[in-house]
Amino acid sequence: MQEKLNQNLIDVIERIEKARIAVDRHRIVRLVAVSKYSTQEEITALYACGQRAFGENKVQDLKAKSEILESLPLEWHFIGSLQSNKINALLSLNPFMLQSLHSLELAEQLQKRLQKENKALRTLLQVNSAKEESKSGFMPEVAQEMYCRILETCPNIKLCGLMSIGAHTDEKKMIQKSFEQTYRIFESLQNKGAKTLSMGMSEDFELAIACGSNCVRLGSVLFK
């Protein structure tokens, strides 16, 4: 298993580097390994290969895995849709980052809890650039306005940038269009401190990098 995961990681990093250098050799692209379908043994093995950032979609899974693997200095990202009744549980785990802030209501609830506990939380605003009902996130027309509003009214939420999921289609042009729209919003927010643009999963991460992503969330291509 170790040898296979190590080769997968090498192959993925080579693909990331090739995509990055093709558009901007000075940009650093962060890799978050999506471990939602992976065992603690697989996570430990990938850690031994050099991977440090891991992403989970469910609070209960993040809790279980982070507790079992607490001896490893892993950087945990929460990348799923956070329900309001799971806020306390998530904050108790002190994740490195919440990548999926998908509504103003959630932001306000997070702010109240963070303020009460005197905590801060690195966060990305989720943008539904594909405008698909199956996806969470702010519509692109209001994303910039909501980003600025949360910055002003929720000081304990440390907005670091945007996250988006590419359009769910086999048409490359449609996926590219959704990525490009997210990048334009990100570009408009750089003067507000936006530094992270999380776009790209196993099927489309090279296209996402070409469109400006500097953080990719990869699962199946790593753990296959």
C-alpha atoms as a PDB file:
ATOM      1  CA  MET A   1       0.000   0.000   0.000  1.00  0.00           C
ATOM      2  CA  GLN A   2       2.766   2.422   0.944  1.00  0.00           C
ATOM      3  CA  GLU A   3       4.546   1.979  -2.378  1.00  0.00           C
ATOM      4  CA  LYS A   4       1.335   2.433  -4.370  1.00  0.00           C
ATOM      5  CA  LEU A   5       0.283   5.579  -2.483  1.00  0.00           C
ATOM      6  CA  ASN A   6       3.782   7.006  -2.792  1.00  0.00           C
ATOM      7  CA  GLN A   7       3.702   6.530  -6.564  1.00  0.00           C
ATOM      8  CA  ASN A   8       0.218   8.054  -6.745  1.00  0.00           C
ATOM      9  CA  LEU A   9       1.452  11.110  -4.834  1.00  0.00           C
ATOM     10  CA  ILE A  10       4.511  11.471  -7.074  1.00  0.00           C
ATOM     11  CA  ASP A  11       2.349  11.227 -10.197  1.00  0.00           C
ATOM     12  CA  VAL A  12      -0.148  13.800  -8.886  1.00  0.00           C
ATOM     13  CA  ILE A  13       2.564  16.261  -7.870  1.00  0.00           C
ATOM     14  CA  GLU A  14       4.143  15.941 -11.314  1.00  0.00           C
ATOM     15  CA  ARG A  15       0.783  16.710 -12.934  1.00  0.00           C
ATOM     16  CA  ILE A  16       0.206  19.680 -10.619  1.00  0.00           C
ATOM     17  CA  GLU A  17       3.677  21.034 -11.369  1.00  0.00           C
ATOM     18  CA  LYS A  18       3.240  20.634 -15.118  1.00  0.00           C
ATOM     19  CA  ALA A  19      -0.112  22.455 -15.015  1.00  0.00           C
ATOM     20  CA  ARG A  20       1.268  25.175 -12.738  1.00  0.00           C
ATOM     21  CA  ILE A  21       4.414  25.871 -14.742  1.00  0.00           C
ATOM     22  CA  ALA A  22       2.408  26.062 -17.961  1.00  0.00           C
ATOM     23  CA  VAL A  23       0.562  29.141 -16.690  1.00  0.00           C
ATOM     24  CA  ASP A  24       2.571  30.649 -13.812  1.00  0.00           C
ATOM     25  CA  ARG A  25       5.827  29.169 -12.563  1.00  0.00           C
ATOM     26  CA  HIS A  26       5.778  31.518  -9.561  1.00  0.00           C
ATOM     27  CA  ARG A  27       2.422  30.308  -8.224  1.00  0.00           C
ATOM     28  CA  ILE A  28       2.425  27.725  -5.424  1.00  0.00           C
ATOM     29  CA  VAL A  29      -0.396  25.162  -5.591  1.00  0.00           C
ATOM     30  CA  ARG A  30      -1.418  23.479  -2.337  1.00  0.00           C
ATOM     31  CA  LEU A  31      -2.608  19.890  -2.358  1.00  0.00           C
ATOM     32  CA  VAL A  32      -5.350  18.813   0.059  1.00  0.00           C
ATOM     33  CA  ALA A  33      -5.809  15.039   0.085  1.00  0.00           C
ATOM     34  CA  VAL A  34      -9.524  14.248   0.360  1.00  0.00           C
ATOM     35  CA  SER A  35      -9.646  11.292   2.737  1.00  0.00           C
ATOM     36  CA  LYS A  36     -13.394  10.827   3.148  1.00  0.00           C
ATOM     37  CA  TYR A  37     -13.298   7.284   1.718  1.00  0.00           C
ATOM     38  CA  SER A  38      -9.892   6.417   3.164  1.00  0.00           C
ATOM     39  CA  THR A  39      -8.865   4.437   6.217  1.00  0.00           C
ATOM     40  CA  GLN A  40      -6.577   5.628   8.985  1.00  0.00           C
ATOM     41  CA  GLU A  41      -3.929   3.250   7.606  1.00  0.00           C
ATOM     42  CA  GLU A  42      -4.104   4.892   4.176  1.00  0.00           C
ATOM     43  CA  ILE A  43      -3.893   8.388   5.685  1.00  0.00           C
ATOM     44  CA  THR A  44      -0.911   7.333   7.806  1.00  0.00           C
ATOM     45  CA  ALA A  45       0.775   5.828   4.754  1.00  0.00           C
ATOM     46  CA  LEU A  46       0.248   8.985   2.671  1.00  0.00           C
ATOM     47  CA  TYR A  47       1.554  11.063   5.583  1.00  0.00           C
ATOM     48  CA  ALA A  48       4.695   8.912   5.551  1.00  0.00           C
ATOM     49  CA  CYS A  49       5.063   9.817   1.868  1.00  0.00           C
ATOM     50  CA  GLY A  50       5.106  13.519   2.770  1.00  0.00           C
ATOM     51  CA  GLN A  51       1.470  14.630   2.517  1.00  0.00           C
ATOM     52  CA  ARG A  52       0.296  16.826   5.399  1.00  0.00           C
ATOM     53  CA  ALA A  53      -3.052  18.456   4.470  1.00  0.00           C
ATOM     54  CA  PHE A  54      -6.175  16.293   4.474  1.00  0.00           C
ATOM     55  CA  GLY A  55      -9.828  17.146   3.867  1.00  0.00           C
ATOM     56  CA  GLU A  56     -13.020  15.617   5.260  1.00  0.00           C
ATOM     57  CA  ASN A  57     -16.660  16.163   4.266  1.00  0.00           C
ATOM     58  CA  LYS A  58     -18.403  15.115   7.479  1.00  0.00           C
ATOM     59  CA  VAL A  59     -17.780  16.401  10.979  1.00  0.00           C
ATOM     60  CA  GLN A  60     -18.154  12.943  12.538  1.00  0.00           C
ATOM     61  CA  ASP A  61     -15.538  11.519  10.170  1.00  0.00           C
ATOM     62  CA  LEU A  62     -13.149  14.388  10.846  1.00  0.00           C
ATOM     63  CA  LYS A  63     -13.599  13.839  14.572  1.00  0.00           C
ATOM     64  CA  ALA A  64     -12.992  10.095  14.390  1.00  0.00           C
ATOM     65  CA  LYS A  65      -9.931  10.322  12.160  1.00  0.00           C
ATOM     66  CA  SER A  66      -8.338  13.337  13.835  1.00  0.00           C
ATOM     67  CA  GLU A  67      -8.649  11.698  17.238  1.00  0.00           C
ATOM     68  CA  ILE A  68      -7.194   8.379  16.077  1.00  0.00           C
ATOM     69  CA  LEU A  69      -4.368  10.173  14.260  1.00  0.00           C
ATOM     70  CA  GLU A  70      -3.780  12.907  16.845  1.00  0.00           C
ATOM     71  CA  SER A  71      -0.110  11.931  17.188  1.00  0.00           C
ATOM     72  CA  LEU A  72       0.505  13.042  13.586  1.00  0.00           C
ATOM     73  CA  PRO A  73       0.831  16.783  12.832  1.00  0.00           C
ATOM     74  CA  LEU A  74      -1.862  16.748  10.157  1.00  0.00           C
ATOM     75  CA  GLU A  75      -3.479  19.865   8.703  1.00  0.00           C
ATOM     76  CA  TRP A  76      -7.221  19.157   8.643  1.00  0.00           C
ATOM     77  CA  HIS A  77      -9.538  20.980   6.246  1.00  0.00           C
ATOM     78  CA  PHE A  78     -13.324  20.702   6.454  1.00  0.00           C
ATOM     79  CA  ILE A  79     -14.634  20.737   2.898  1.00  0.00           C
ATOM     80  CA  GLY A  80     -18.233  19.542   3.212  1.00  0.00           C
ATOM     81  CA  SER A  81     -21.526  21.330   3.754  1.00  0.00           C
ATOM     82  CA  LEU A  82     -21.579  22.325   7.429  1.00  0.00           C
ATOM     83  CA  GLN A  83     -24.928  22.069   9.190  1.00  0.00           C
ATOM     84  CA  SER A  84     -25.630  24.560  11.965  1.00  0.00           C
ATOM     85  CA  ASN A  85     -26.096  21.802  14.535  1.00  0.00           C
ATOM     86  CA  LYS A  86     -22.546  20.589  13.820  1.00  0.00           C
ATOM     87  CA  ILE A  87     -20.821  23.947  14.420  1.00  0.00           C
ATOM     88  CA  ASN A  88     -19.875  23.246  18.028  1.00  0.00           C
ATOM     89  CA  ALA A  89     -18.519  19.816  17.171  1.00  0.00           C
ATOM     90  CA  LEU A  90     -16.403  21.199  14.335  1.00  0.00           C
ATOM     91  CA  LEU A  91     -14.962  24.052  16.374  1.00  0.00           C
ATOM     92  CA  SER A  92     -14.014  21.663  19.170  1.00  0.00           C
ATOM     93  CA  LEU A  93     -11.697  19.946  16.681  1.00  0.00           C
ATOM     94  CA  ASN A  94      -9.836  23.178  15.821  1.00  0.00           C
ATOM     95  CA  PRO A  95      -9.509  22.464  12.094  1.00  0.00           C
ATOM     96  CA  PHE A  96      -6.878  24.320  10.103  1.00  0.00           C
ATOM     97  CA  MET A  97      -9.512  25.651   7.714  1.00  0.00           C
ATOM     98  CA  LEU A  98     -13.203  25.555   6.838  1.00  0.00           C
ATOM     99  CA  GLN A  99     -13.321  25.636   3.038  1.00  0.00           C
ATOM    100  CA  SER A 100     -17.088  25.667   2.619  1.00  0.00           C
ATOM    101  CA  LEU A 101     -18.745  28.732   4.128  1.00  0.00           C
ATOM    102  CA  HIS A 102     -21.894  28.600   2.033  1.00  0.00           C
ATOM    103  CA  SER A 103     -24.379  31.088   3.539  1.00  0.00           C
ATOM    104  CA  LEU A 104     -24.670  34.318   5.488  1.00  0.00           C
ATOM    105  CA  GLU A 105     -26.752  32.526   8.122  1.00  0.00           C
ATOM    106  CA  LEU A 106     -23.960  30.019   8.701  1.00  0.00           C
ATOM    107  CA  ALA A 107     -21.436  32.861   8.938  1.00  0.00           C
ATOM    108  CA  GLU A 108     -23.503  34.619  11.600  1.00  0.00           C
ATOM    109  CA  GLN A 109     -23.910  31.429  13.619  1.00  0.00           C
ATOM    110  CA  LEU A 110     -20.204  30.689  13.366  1.00  0.00           C
ATOM    111  CA  GLN A 111     -19.333  34.210  14.455  1.00  0.00           C
ATOM    112  CA  LYS A 112     -21.471  33.949  17.593  1.00  0.00           C
ATOM    113  CA  ARG A 113     -19.839  30.687  18.629  1.00  0.00           C
ATOM    114  CA  LEU A 114     -16.323  31.788  17.761  1.00  0.00           C
ATOM    115  CA  GLN A 115     -16.734  35.033  19.670  1.00  0.00           C
ATOM    116  CA  LYS A 116     -18.100  33.195  22.690  1.00  0.00           C
ATOM    117  CA  GLU A 117     -15.097  30.874  22.726  1.00  0.00           C
ATOM    118  CA  ASN A 118     -12.622  33.618  21.817  1.00  0.00           C
ATOM    119  CA  LYS A 119     -11.501  31.679  18.753  1.00  0.00           C
ATOM    120  CA  ALA A 120     -10.777  32.487  15.141  1.00  0.00           C
ATOM    121  CA  LEU A 121     -11.282  30.239  12.126  1.00  0.00           C
ATOM    122  CA  ARG A 122      -9.602  30.360   8.714  1.00  0.00           C
ATOM    123  CA  THR A 123     -12.387  30.151   6.155  1.00  0.00           C
ATOM    124  CA  LEU A 124     -13.055  30.155   2.430  1.00  0.00           C
ATOM    125  CA  LEU A 125     -16.294  31.467   0.962  1.00  0.00           C
ATOM    126  CA  GLN A 126     -17.952  28.838  -1.220  1.00  0.00           C
ATOM    127  CA  VAL A 127     -19.163  30.118  -4.585  1.00  0.00           C
ATOM    128  CA  ASN A 128     -21.677  28.188  -6.682  1.00  0.00           C
ATOM    129  CA  SER A 129     -20.347  29.463 -10.006  1.00  0.00           C
ATOM    130  CA  ALA A 130     -21.981  26.609 -11.901  1.00  0.00           C
ATOM    131  CA  LYS A 131     -25.363  27.707 -10.499  1.00  0.00           C
ATOM    132  CA  GLU A 132     -26.355  24.093  -9.896  1.00  0.00           C
ATOM    133  CA  GLU A 133     -29.085  23.254  -7.389  1.00  0.00           C
ATOM    134  CA  SER A 134     -27.101  20.257  -6.172  1.00  0.00           C
ATOM    135  CA  LYS A 135     -24.286  22.540  -4.974  1.00  0.00           C
ATOM    136  CA  SER A 136     -24.093  24.813  -1.945  1.00  0.00           C
ATOM    137  CA  GLY A 137     -22.570  28.267  -1.970  1.00  0.00           C
ATOM    138  CA  PHE A 138     -23.199  31.891  -2.832  1.00  0.00           C
ATOM    139  CA  MET A 139     -24.337  32.781  -6.306  1.00  0.00           C
ATOM    140  CA  PRO A 140     -21.539  34.558  -8.219  1.00  0.00           C
ATOM    141  CA  GLU A 141     -23.564  37.777  -8.536  1.00  0.00           C
ATOM    142  CA  VAL A 142     -23.531  38.324  -4.759  1.00  0.00           C
ATOM    143  CA  ALA A 143     -20.293  36.582  -3.746  1.00  0.00           C
ATOM    144  CA  GLN A 144     -18.142  39.702  -3.669  1.00  0.00           C
ATOM    145  CA  GLU A 145     -20.723  41.657  -1.681  1.00  0.00           C
ATOM    146  CA  MET A 146     -21.207  38.817   0.834  1.00  0.00           C
ATOM    147  CA  TYR A 147     -17.448  38.356   1.218  1.00  0.00           C
ATOM    148  CA  CYS A 148     -17.033  42.010   2.162  1.00  0.00           C
ATOM    149  CA  ARG A 149     -20.060  41.914   4.453  1.00  0.00           C
ATOM    150  CA  ILE A 150     -18.746  38.905   6.360  1.00  0.00           C
ATOM    151  CA  LEU A 151     -15.338  40.555   6.629  1.00  0.00           C
ATOM    152  CA  GLU A 152     -16.952  43.586   8.232  1.00  0.00           C
ATOM    153  CA  THR A 153     -19.488  41.892  10.507  1.00  0.00           C
ATOM    154  CA  CYS A 154     -17.810  38.609  11.500  1.00  0.00           C
ATOM    155  CA  PRO A 155     -14.319  39.462  12.772  1.00  0.00           C
ATOM    156  CA  ASN A 156     -13.661  35.994  14.184  1.00  0.00           C
ATOM    157  CA  ILE A 157     -14.107  34.459  10.729  1.00  0.00           C
ATOM    158  CA  LYS A 158     -10.783  34.918   8.977  1.00  0.00           C
ATOM    159  CA  LEU A 159     -11.725  34.890   5.314  1.00  0.00           C
ATOM    160  CA  CYS A 160      -8.760  33.758   3.226  1.00  0.00           C
ATOM    161  CA  GLY A 161     -10.343  33.419  -0.206  1.00  0.00           C
ATOM    162  CA  LEU A 162     -12.794  31.337  -2.215  1.00  0.00           C
ATOM    163  CA  MET A 163     -13.712  27.712  -2.838  1.00  0.00           C
ATOM    164  CA  SER A 164     -15.715  26.384  -5.755  1.00  0.00           C
ATOM    165  CA  ILE A 165     -16.676  23.094  -7.396  1.00  0.00           C
ATOM    166  CA  GLY A 166     -16.536  22.902 -11.171  1.00  0.00           C
ATOM    167  CA  ALA A 167     -19.680  22.408 -13.230  1.00  0.00           C
ATOM    168  CA  HIS A 168     -20.969  18.830 -13.158  1.00  0.00           C
ATOM    169  CA  THR A 169     -20.690  18.027 -16.844  1.00  0.00           C
ATOM    170  CA  ASP A 170     -18.442  16.320 -19.374  1.00  0.00           C
ATOM    171  CA  GLU A 171     -18.256  19.546 -21.371  1.00  0.00           C
ATOM    172  CA  LYS A 172     -14.828  21.024 -20.699  1.00  0.00           C
ATOM    173  CA  LYS A 173     -15.919  24.507 -21.803  1.00  0.00           C
ATOM    174  CA  MET A 174     -18.685  24.594 -19.197  1.00  0.00           C
ATOM    175  CA  ILE A 175     -16.303  23.498 -16.438  1.00  0.00           C
ATOM    176  CA  GLN A 176     -13.772  26.065 -17.571  1.00  0.00           C
ATOM    177  CA  LYS A 177     -16.421  28.797 -17.618  1.00  0.00           C
ATOM    178  CA  SER A 178     -17.370  28.103 -13.988  1.00  0.00           C
ATOM    179  CA  PHE A 179     -13.712  28.154 -12.910  1.00  0.00           C
ATOM    180  CA  GLU A 180     -13.017  31.373 -14.786  1.00  0.00           C
ATOM    181  CA  GLN A 181     -15.992  33.080 -13.187  1.00  0.00           C
ATOM    182  CA  THR A 182     -14.776  32.111  -9.719  1.00  0.00           C
ATOM    183  CA  TYR A 183     -11.305  33.386 -10.564  1.00  0.00           C
ATOM    184  CA  ARG A 184     -12.684  36.784 -11.608  1.00  0.00           C
ATOM    185  CA  ILE A 185     -14.419  37.109  -8.235  1.00  0.00           C
ATOM    186  CA  PHE A 186     -11.237  36.010  -6.450  1.00  0.00           C
ATOM    187  CA  GLU A 187      -9.220  38.587  -8.383  1.00  0.00           C
ATOM    188  CA  SER A 188     -11.635  41.331  -7.318  1.00  0.00           C
ATOM    189  CA  LEU A 189     -11.167  40.344  -3.666  1.00  0.00           C
ATOM    190  CA  GLN A 190      -7.387  40.207  -3.537  1.00  0.00           C
ATOM    191  CA  ASN A 191      -7.312  43.763  -2.225  1.00  0.00           C
ATOM    192  CA  LYS A 192      -9.482  42.443   0.644  1.00  0.00           C
ATOM    193  CA  GLY A 193      -6.894  39.834   1.581  1.00  0.00           C
ATOM    194  CA  ALA A 194      -8.118  36.898  -0.508  1.00  0.00           C
ATOM    195  CA  LYS A 195      -5.110  34.644  -1.103  1.00  0.00           C
ATOM    196  CA  THR A 196      -6.461  31.113  -1.462  1.00  0.00           C
ATOM    197  CA  LEU A 197      -8.497  29.941  -4.444  1.00  0.00           C
ATOM    198  CA  SER A 198      -9.540  26.324  -3.890  1.00  0.00           C
ATOM    199  CA  MET A 199     -10.754  24.835  -7.175  1.00  0.00           C
ATOM    200  CA  GLY A 200     -10.194  21.479  -8.774  1.00  0.00           C
ATOM    201  CA  MET A 201     -10.833  17.854  -7.880  1.00  0.00           C
ATOM    202  CA  SER A 202      -9.523  14.580  -9.294  1.00  0.00           C
ATOM    203  CA  GLU A 203     -11.286  14.889 -12.662  1.00  0.00           C
ATOM    204  CA  ASP A 204     -10.576  18.550 -13.403  1.00  0.00           C
ATOM    205  CA  PHE A 205      -7.700  19.853 -11.273  1.00  0.00           C
ATOM    206  CA  GLU A 206      -5.348  20.606 -14.173  1.00  0.00           C
ATOM    207  CA  LEU A 207      -8.019  22.735 -15.826  1.00  0.00           C
ATOM    208  CA  ALA A 208      -8.659  24.464 -12.488  1.00  0.00           C
ATOM    209  CA  ILE A 209      -4.968  25.303 -12.144  1.00  0.00           C
ATOM    210  CA  ALA A 210      -4.976  26.712 -15.670  1.00  0.00           C
ATOM    211  CA  CYS A 211      -7.878  28.935 -14.589  1.00  0.00           C
ATOM    212  CA  GLY A 212      -6.055  30.289 -11.526  1.00  0.00           C
ATOM    213  CA  SER A 213      -6.513  27.768  -8.707  1.00  0.00           C
ATOM    214  CA  ASN A 214      -3.789  27.616  -6.061  1.00  0.00           C
ATOM    215  CA  CYS A 215      -5.367  24.855  -3.959  1.00  0.00           C
ATOM    216  CA  VAL A 216      -6.704  21.526  -5.239  1.00  0.00           C
ATOM    217  CA  ARG A 217      -8.758  18.923  -3.362  1.00  0.00           C
ATOM    218  CA  LEU A 218      -7.921  15.441  -4.616  1.00  0.00           C
ATOM    219  CA  GLY A 219      -9.232  12.091  -3.420  1.00  0.00           C
ATOM    220  CA  SER A 220      -9.669   9.226  -5.866  1.00  0.00           C
ATOM    221  CA  VAL A 221      -6.572  10.054  -7.922  1.00  0.00           C
ATOM    222  CA  LEU A 222      -4.446   9.734  -4.764  1.00  0.00           C
ATOM    223  CA  PHE A 223      -6.109   6.822  -2.997  1.00  0.00           C
ATOM    224  CA  LYS A 224      -6.980   4.677  -6.052  1.00  0.00           C
END
